[in-house]
Protein backbone atom coordinates (compact mmCIF):
# COMPACT_ATOMS: atom_id res chain seq x y z
CA MET A 1 24.13 19.72 -9.14
CA THR A 2 21.50 16.96 -9.06
CA ARG A 3 17.79 17.33 -9.69
CA GLU A 4 17.16 16.61 -6.00
CA GLN A 5 19.39 19.49 -4.99
CA LEU A 6 17.73 21.81 -7.51
CA THR A 7 14.17 21.05 -6.44
CA ASN A 8 15.01 20.68 -2.76
CA THR A 9 12.69 17.64 -2.55
CA PRO A 10 13.60 13.99 -2.19
CA THR A 11 13.45 11.80 -5.27
CA GLN A 12 10.26 9.75 -5.35
CA LEU A 13 10.47 6.21 -6.65
CA LEU A 14 7.53 4.31 -8.08
CA LEU A 15 6.44 0.89 -6.98
CA PRO A 16 6.55 -1.63 -9.80
CA GLY A 17 3.16 -1.84 -11.49
CA ALA A 18 1.87 1.31 -9.76
CA LEU A 19 1.07 3.12 -13.00
CA GLY A 20 -0.82 0.18 -14.42
CA GLU A 21 -2.90 -0.07 -11.26
CA LEU A 22 -3.52 3.68 -11.29
CA PHE A 23 -4.68 3.50 -14.91
CA VAL A 24 -7.04 0.58 -14.26
CA ALA A 25 -8.48 2.24 -11.14
CA ALA A 26 -9.04 5.50 -13.02
CA GLN A 27 -10.78 3.65 -15.86
CA MET A 28 -13.01 1.73 -13.46
CA THR A 29 -14.03 4.77 -11.39
CA GLY A 30 -13.91 7.29 -14.24
CA THR A 31 -12.03 9.70 -11.96
CA LEU A 32 -8.49 10.70 -11.10
CA SER A 33 -8.14 11.69 -7.44
CA LEU A 34 -5.69 14.04 -5.77
CA ALA A 35 -3.62 11.08 -4.56
CA ASP A 36 -3.62 9.66 -8.09
CA ARG A 37 -2.38 12.98 -9.46
CA HIS A 38 0.48 13.04 -6.95
CA GLY A 39 1.42 9.52 -8.03
CA LEU A 40 1.26 10.59 -11.65
CA GLN A 41 3.47 13.59 -10.94
CA ALA A 42 6.03 11.37 -9.22
CA ALA A 43 5.97 9.04 -12.21
CA ILE A 44 6.51 11.82 -14.73
CA LEU A 45 9.48 13.14 -12.74
CA ASP A 46 11.04 9.68 -12.32
CA PRO A 47 14.23 9.52 -14.42
CA THR A 48 14.03 5.70 -14.57
CA LEU A 49 10.58 5.65 -16.20
CA THR A 50 10.30 2.79 -18.69
CA PRO A 51 8.86 3.23 -22.18
CA GLU A 52 5.88 1.08 -21.12
CA ASP A 53 5.22 3.36 -18.15
CA ARG A 54 5.50 6.43 -20.41
CA GLN A 55 2.92 4.84 -22.72
CA THR A 56 0.60 4.21 -19.76
CA ILE A 57 0.88 7.87 -18.75
CA ASP A 58 0.13 8.93 -22.33
CA ARG A 59 -2.98 6.69 -22.41
CA LEU A 60 -4.17 8.10 -19.09
CA LEU A 61 -3.72 11.70 -20.21
CA ARG A 62 -5.44 10.95 -23.52
CA ALA A 63 -8.43 9.50 -21.63
CA ILE A 64 -8.61 12.69 -19.54
CA VAL A 65 -8.49 14.93 -22.62
CA ARG A 66 -11.25 12.88 -24.28
CA GLY A 67 -13.42 13.18 -21.17
CA LYS A 68 -13.43 9.47 -20.33
CA ILE A 69 -11.72 10.17 -17.00
CA GLN A 70 -12.64 13.19 -14.87
CA ILE A 71 -10.31 14.95 -12.46
CA CYS A 72 -11.77 15.26 -8.98
CA ASP A 73 -10.54 16.98 -5.81
CA ASP A 74 -11.21 14.00 -3.54
CA VAL A 75 -8.12 12.73 -1.77
CA SER A 76 -8.91 9.16 -2.81
CA THR A 77 -11.54 7.38 -4.85
CA LEU A 78 -11.35 4.27 -2.65
CA SER A 79 -14.47 3.45 -0.71
CA ASN A 80 -14.46 2.30 2.90
CA SER A 81 -17.16 -0.32 2.39
């Protein structure tokens, strides 16, 4: 039985460079939005995650633990201006 069958959800694939962009955006805004967290969850569950992507996730989580990045409940941190 595959992971997809076990979780009953489709496998989510990451866009190349998505984690790097997420990390940079979180550092610039100082926040991790709801959409960012969903992207992070998809990345963590991705079986094809590269060691570089795993390191990016570790750096992001470390920044959250140290208080450099705050978790917010906004859907997105992008501004419409």
